Amino acid sequence: MDICEKIAYIKGLAEGLQLDDSSKEGKILNAIIDLLGDITEEICDIEDGCDELSEQIDAVDEDLASLEEIIYEDDEDDCCDCDDCCDCDDEVYEIECPACNDVIYLDGDMLEEEGMTCPNCGTELEFDFDGDCCDCCDCSEETEE
C-alpha cells in the first residue's frame, strides 16, 4: 500500500468513526487528516515529477551514449590512408621566425605550402616538411608508392 492509499484508508476510518466536528477533538483530528491529505498530495506530485525526470535522464543518457559511440568510434579506427583516417589538419605546429623570433602557429594545410611570409617582420620562411603527418602509421611510405 503506497502513501496515497494509506491516507485514503485513514480518511475512511475517520468518516466511519463519525467524529463530531463541533468538539475540540473532532476538529483537531479532522484538521490533522486534512493536513495529511495535503502532504500526501504534495508527496505524490513530487514522486510523479521524479519519475518523469528519471525517464528524461535515461533518454538523455541513451542519446549521450550514442553520441559518444559515434565520436569515439572515429578515434579507434586504424590508420591506413592519411586522407581517410588521420585528421592531420587538426594538428598545430609551432615554428619560430629566425629574424624576429616571433612564434608562428601553423596547421597541416599551411605546412603543405612549403613556405610563407612572417606576419610580424615579413621575412620569407621555408618549410622542409618530410610528409610524416602522424605517429600511427608510416604515411610517407604509403603516399610514395
C-alpha atoms as a PDB file:
ATOM      1  CA  MET A   1       0.000   0.000   0.000  1.00  0.00           C
ATOM      2  CA  ASP A   2       1.525   3.349  -1.005  1.00  0.00           C
ATOM      3  CA  ILE A   3       1.152   6.626   0.861  1.00  0.00           C
ATOM      4  CA  CYS A   4      -1.804   7.786  -1.246  1.00  0.00           C
ATOM      5  CA  GLU A   5      -3.725   4.606  -0.443  1.00  0.00           C
ATOM      6  CA  LYS A   6      -2.854   4.867   3.273  1.00  0.00           C
ATOM      7  CA  ILE A   7      -4.258   8.397   3.649  1.00  0.00           C
ATOM      8  CA  ALA A   8      -7.423   7.355   1.816  1.00  0.00           C
ATOM      9  CA  TYR A   9      -7.749   4.457   4.283  1.00  0.00           C
ATOM     10  CA  ILE A  10      -7.272   6.818   7.274  1.00  0.00           C
ATOM     11  CA  LYS A  11      -9.883   9.229   5.877  1.00  0.00           C
ATOM     12  CA  GLY A  12     -12.292   6.323   5.524  1.00  0.00           C
ATOM     13  CA  LEU A  13     -11.680   5.237   9.111  1.00  0.00           C
ATOM     14  CA  ALA A  14     -12.263   8.788  10.349  1.00  0.00           C
ATOM     15  CA  GLU A  15     -15.526   9.024   8.431  1.00  0.00           C
ATOM     16  CA  GLY A  16     -16.576   5.674   9.889  1.00  0.00           C
ATOM     17  CA  LEU A  17     -15.977   6.993  13.396  1.00  0.00           C
ATOM     18  CA  GLN A  18     -18.371   9.865  12.652  1.00  0.00           C
ATOM     19  CA  LEU A  19     -16.245  12.384  14.501  1.00  0.00           C
ATOM     20  CA  ASP A  20     -18.161  15.344  15.862  1.00  0.00           C
ATOM     21  CA  ASP A  21     -16.896  18.462  14.052  1.00  0.00           C
ATOM     22  CA  SER A  22     -18.153  20.661  16.884  1.00  0.00           C
ATOM     23  CA  SER A  23     -15.961  19.020  19.546  1.00  0.00           C
ATOM     24  CA  LYS A  24     -12.340  20.061  20.097  1.00  0.00           C
ATOM     25  CA  GLU A  25     -11.042  16.553  19.475  1.00  0.00           C
ATOM     26  CA  GLY A  26     -13.054  16.181  16.287  1.00  0.00           C
ATOM     27  CA  LYS A  27     -11.799  19.498  14.916  1.00  0.00           C
ATOM     28  CA  ILE A  28      -8.168  18.586  15.643  1.00  0.00           C
ATOM     29  CA  LEU A  29      -8.436  15.090  14.155  1.00  0.00           C
ATOM     30  CA  ASN A  30     -10.170  16.389  11.019  1.00  0.00           C
ATOM     31  CA  ALA A  31      -7.543  19.141  10.643  1.00  0.00           C
ATOM     32  CA  ILE A  32      -4.731  16.583  11.036  1.00  0.00           C
ATOM     33  CA  ILE A  33      -6.342  14.254   8.488  1.00  0.00           C
ATOM     34  CA  ASP A  34      -6.784  17.165   6.028  1.00  0.00           C
ATOM     35  CA  LEU A  35      -3.151  18.193   6.571  1.00  0.00           C
ATOM     36  CA  LEU A  36      -2.010  14.608   5.988  1.00  0.00           C
ATOM     37  CA  GLY A  37      -4.078  14.579   2.803  1.00  0.00           C
ATOM     38  CA  ASP A  38      -2.394  17.763   1.561  1.00  0.00           C
ATOM     39  CA  ILE A  39       1.060  16.457   2.448  1.00  0.00           C
ATOM     40  CA  THR A  40       0.291  13.190   0.701  1.00  0.00           C
ATOM     41  CA  GLU A  41      -0.817  15.026  -2.449  1.00  0.00           C
ATOM     42  CA  GLU A  42       2.427  17.010  -2.495  1.00  0.00           C
ATOM     43  CA  ILE A  43       4.498  13.868  -1.980  1.00  0.00           C
ATOM     44  CA  CYS A  44       2.645  12.068  -4.774  1.00  0.00           C
ATOM     45  CA  ASP A  45       3.220  15.036  -7.098  1.00  0.00           C
ATOM     46  CA  ILE A  46       6.917  15.060  -6.210  1.00  0.00           C
ATOM     47  CA  GLU A  47       7.153  11.310  -6.813  1.00  0.00           C
ATOM     48  CA  ASP A  48       5.474  11.714 -10.213  1.00  0.00           C
ATOM     49  CA  GLY A  49       7.882  14.527 -11.095  1.00  0.00           C
ATOM     50  CA  CYS A  50      10.859  12.404 -10.018  1.00  0.00           C
ATOM     51  CA  ASP A  51       9.650   9.508 -12.151  1.00  0.00           C
ATOM     52  CA  GLU A  52       9.264  11.811 -15.158  1.00  0.00           C
ATOM     53  CA  LEU A  53      12.728  13.329 -14.602  1.00  0.00           C
ATOM     54  CA  SER A  54      14.226   9.877 -14.233  1.00  0.00           C
ATOM     55  CA  GLU A  55      12.745   8.847 -17.580  1.00  0.00           C
ATOM     56  CA  GLN A  56      14.095  12.005 -19.215  1.00  0.00           C
ATOM     57  CA  ILE A  57      17.552  11.453 -17.712  1.00  0.00           C
ATOM     58  CA  ASP A  58      17.556   7.895 -19.026  1.00  0.00           C
ATOM     59  CA  ALA A  59      16.659   9.162 -22.505  1.00  0.00           C
ATOM     60  CA  VAL A  60      19.422  11.806 -22.386  1.00  0.00           C
ATOM     61  CA  ASP A  61      21.876   9.173 -21.147  1.00  0.00           C
ATOM     62  CA  GLU A  62      20.995   6.897 -24.064  1.00  0.00           C
ATOM     63  CA  ASP A  63      21.410   9.797 -26.524  1.00  0.00           C
ATOM     64  CA  LEU A  64      24.755  10.699 -24.968  1.00  0.00           C
ATOM     65  CA  ALA A  65      25.926   7.098 -25.191  1.00  0.00           C
ATOM     66  CA  SER A  66      25.001   7.070 -28.887  1.00  0.00           C
ATOM     67  CA  LEU A  67      26.911  10.302 -29.471  1.00  0.00           C
ATOM     68  CA  GLU A  68      29.956   9.008 -27.581  1.00  0.00           C
ATOM     69  CA  GLU A  69      29.886   5.889 -29.699  1.00  0.00           C
ATOM     70  CA  ILE A  70      29.843   7.960 -32.882  1.00  0.00           C
ATOM     71  CA  ILE A  71      32.538  10.381 -31.715  1.00  0.00           C
ATOM     72  CA  TYR A  72      34.935   7.903 -30.159  1.00  0.00           C
ATOM     73  CA  GLU A  73      34.437   5.309 -32.887  1.00  0.00           C
ATOM     74  CA  ASP A  74      36.419   7.581 -35.248  1.00  0.00           C
ATOM     75  CA  ASP A  75      39.333   7.668 -32.801  1.00  0.00           C
ATOM     76  CA  GLU A  76      39.530   3.881 -32.722  1.00  0.00           C
ATOM     77  CA  ASP A  77      39.995   3.455 -36.489  1.00  0.00           C
ATOM     78  CA  ASP A  78      43.330   2.075 -37.613  1.00  0.00           C
ATOM     79  CA  CYS A  79      45.441   4.433 -39.686  1.00  0.00           C
ATOM     80  CA  CYS A  80      45.557   3.292 -43.281  1.00  0.00           C
ATOM     81  CA  ASP A  81      45.382   6.350 -45.525  1.00  0.00           C
ATOM     82  CA  CYS A  82      46.037   9.893 -44.337  1.00  0.00           C
ATOM     83  CA  ASP A  83      43.215  11.371 -46.346  1.00  0.00           C
ATOM     84  CA  ASP A  84      40.690   8.936 -44.878  1.00  0.00           C
ATOM     85  CA  CYS A  85      41.657   8.143 -41.308  1.00  0.00           C
ATOM     86  CA  CYS A  86      44.096  10.719 -39.981  1.00  0.00           C
ATOM     87  CA  ASP A  87      42.911  14.209 -39.364  1.00  0.00           C
ATOM     88  CA  CYS A  88      46.295  15.838 -39.856  1.00  0.00           C
ATOM     89  CA  ASP A  89      44.760  19.256 -40.426  1.00  0.00           C
ATOM     90  CA  ASP A  90      43.740  19.388 -36.767  1.00  0.00           C
ATOM     91  CA  GLU A  91      47.361  19.271 -35.612  1.00  0.00           C
ATOM     92  CA  VAL A  92      49.001  22.590 -34.884  1.00  0.00           C
ATOM     93  CA  TYR A  93      52.724  23.121 -35.426  1.00  0.00           C
ATOM     94  CA  GLU A  94      54.849  25.824 -33.886  1.00  0.00           C
ATOM     95  CA  ILE A  95      57.773  27.495 -35.623  1.00  0.00           C
ATOM     96  CA  GLU A  96      59.970  30.416 -34.675  1.00  0.00           C
ATOM     97  CA  CYS A  97      60.925  33.108 -37.165  1.00  0.00           C
ATOM     98  CA  PRO A  98      64.735  33.255 -37.310  1.00  0.00           C
ATOM     99  CA  ALA A  99      64.678  37.012 -37.955  1.00  0.00           C
ATOM    100  CA  CYS A 100      62.324  38.321 -35.251  1.00  0.00           C
ATOM    101  CA  ASN A 101      61.968  35.216 -33.004  1.00  0.00           C
ATOM    102  CA  ASP A 102      58.188  35.517 -33.229  1.00  0.00           C
ATOM    103  CA  VAL A 103      56.374  32.193 -32.654  1.00  0.00           C
ATOM    104  CA  ILE A 104      54.038  31.268 -35.506  1.00  0.00           C
ATOM    105  CA  TYR A 105      51.409  28.536 -35.303  1.00  0.00           C
ATOM    106  CA  LEU A 106      50.671  26.517 -38.447  1.00  0.00           C
ATOM    107  CA  ASP A 107      48.222  23.767 -39.372  1.00  0.00           C
ATOM    108  CA  GLY A 108      48.749  20.909 -41.820  1.00  0.00           C
ATOM    109  CA  ASP A 109      47.464  22.876 -44.817  1.00  0.00           C
ATOM    110  CA  MET A 110      49.909  25.706 -44.177  1.00  0.00           C
ATOM    111  CA  LEU A 111      52.808  23.245 -43.969  1.00  0.00           C
ATOM    112  CA  GLU A 112      51.937  21.785 -47.356  1.00  0.00           C
ATOM    113  CA  GLU A 113      52.531  25.206 -48.933  1.00  0.00           C
ATOM    114  CA  GLU A 114      56.261  24.787 -48.106  1.00  0.00           C
ATOM    115  CA  GLY A 115      56.667  28.451 -47.132  1.00  0.00           C
ATOM    116  CA  MET A 116      55.118  31.714 -46.013  1.00  0.00           C
ATOM    117  CA  THR A 117      55.876  35.277 -45.059  1.00  0.00           C
ATOM    118  CA  CYS A 118      56.349  36.001 -41.353  1.00  0.00           C
ATOM    119  CA  PRO A 119      53.324  38.054 -40.289  1.00  0.00           C
ATOM    120  CA  ASN A 120      55.463  40.008 -37.822  1.00  0.00           C
ATOM    121  CA  CYS A 121      58.547  41.046 -39.833  1.00  0.00           C
ATOM    122  CA  GLY A 122      57.857  39.981 -43.418  1.00  0.00           C
ATOM    123  CA  THR A 123      60.766  37.527 -43.706  1.00  0.00           C
ATOM    124  CA  GLU A 124      60.215  34.702 -46.190  1.00  0.00           C
ATOM    125  CA  LEU A 125      60.103  31.377 -44.350  1.00  0.00           C
ATOM    126  CA  GLU A 126      60.586  27.980 -45.998  1.00  0.00           C
ATOM    127  CA  PHE A 127      59.372  24.695 -44.567  1.00  0.00           C
ATOM    128  CA  ASP A 128      61.200  21.410 -45.018  1.00  0.00           C
ATOM    129  CA  PHE A 129      58.376  19.042 -44.181  1.00  0.00           C
ATOM    130  CA  ASP A 130      59.131  15.329 -44.677  1.00  0.00           C
ATOM    131  CA  GLY A 131      55.491  14.248 -45.121  1.00  0.00           C
ATOM    132  CA  ASP A 132      55.103  12.192 -41.934  1.00  0.00           C
ATOM    133  CA  CYS A 133      51.900  13.608 -40.590  1.00  0.00           C
ATOM    134  CA  CYS A 134      51.044  11.176 -37.856  1.00  0.00           C
ATOM    135  CA  ASP A 135      52.510   8.714 -35.415  1.00  0.00           C
ATOM    136  CA  CYS A 136      50.004   5.922 -36.037  1.00  0.00           C
ATOM    137  CA  CYS A 137      51.433   4.771 -39.378  1.00  0.00           C
ATOM    138  CA  ASP A 138      54.211   5.412 -41.851  1.00  0.00           C
ATOM    139  CA  CYS A 139      52.218   7.662 -44.153  1.00  0.00           C
ATOM    140  CA  SER A 140      55.239   8.757 -46.190  1.00  0.00           C
ATOM    141  CA  GLU A 141      55.754   5.182 -47.440  1.00  0.00           C
ATOM    142  CA  GLU A 142      52.094   4.850 -48.404  1.00  0.00           C
ATOM    143  CA  THR A 143      51.983   8.134 -50.298  1.00  0.00           C
ATOM    144  CA  GLU A 144      55.290   7.451 -52.144  1.00  0.00           C
ATOM    145  CA  GLU A 145      54.057   4.163 -53.642  1.00  0.00           C
END
